[in-house]
Each structure stands twice: as C-alpha cells, then as structure tokens.
C-alpha cells in the first residue's frame, strides 16, 4: 500500500538514482 504524502520513482536512466517528493499534510504551510 502506498505511503500517503510520499512519491518516489527511480531515474529512467539509472535504477539506483531515485527521485522523491515529500508533501505536508493539508492545512499546513508544507502542503
């Protein structure tokens, strides 16, 4: 099951190079 507020994907050119996004909860300055 996916983790809420987190997106992670490998680079299309290198499976060992990962890119990720962490989002804050709604209603916070980090959303």
Protein backbone atom coordinates (compact mmCIF):
# COMPACT_ATOMS: atom_id res chain seq x y z
CA UNK A 1 0.00 0.00 0.00
CA UNK A 2 1.42 3.43 -0.93
CA UNK A 3 2.54 5.80 1.82
CA UNK A 4 0.48 8.99 1.91
CA UNK A 5 2.24 12.26 1.08
CA UNK A 6 5.30 10.49 -0.43
CA UNK A 7 6.10 9.89 -4.10
CA UNK A 8 9.29 8.08 -5.15
CA UNK A 9 10.46 6.94 -8.58
CA UNK A 10 13.76 5.72 -9.99
CA UNK A 11 15.52 7.75 -12.65
CA UNK A 12 14.69 6.50 -16.16
CA UNK A 13 18.45 6.22 -16.84
CA UNK A 14 19.68 4.66 -13.58
CA UNK A 15 17.68 2.34 -11.30
CA UNK A 16 19.97 3.25 -8.38
CA UNK A 17 19.22 7.01 -8.69
CA UNK A 18 15.88 7.77 -7.01
CA UNK A 19 13.83 10.98 -7.01
CA UNK A 20 11.24 11.67 -4.34
CA UNK A 21 8.71 14.26 -3.20
CA UNK A 22 7.52 14.66 0.39
CA UNK A 23 4.31 16.66 0.84
CA UNK A 24 2.99 18.04 4.10
CA UNK A 25 -0.49 17.38 5.41
CA UNK A 26 -3.34 19.54 4.14
CA UNK A 27 -3.89 22.71 6.12
CA UNK A 28 -0.17 23.17 6.83
CA UNK A 29 2.29 25.55 5.14
CA UNK A 30 4.01 22.48 3.69
CA UNK A 31 1.00 21.12 1.76
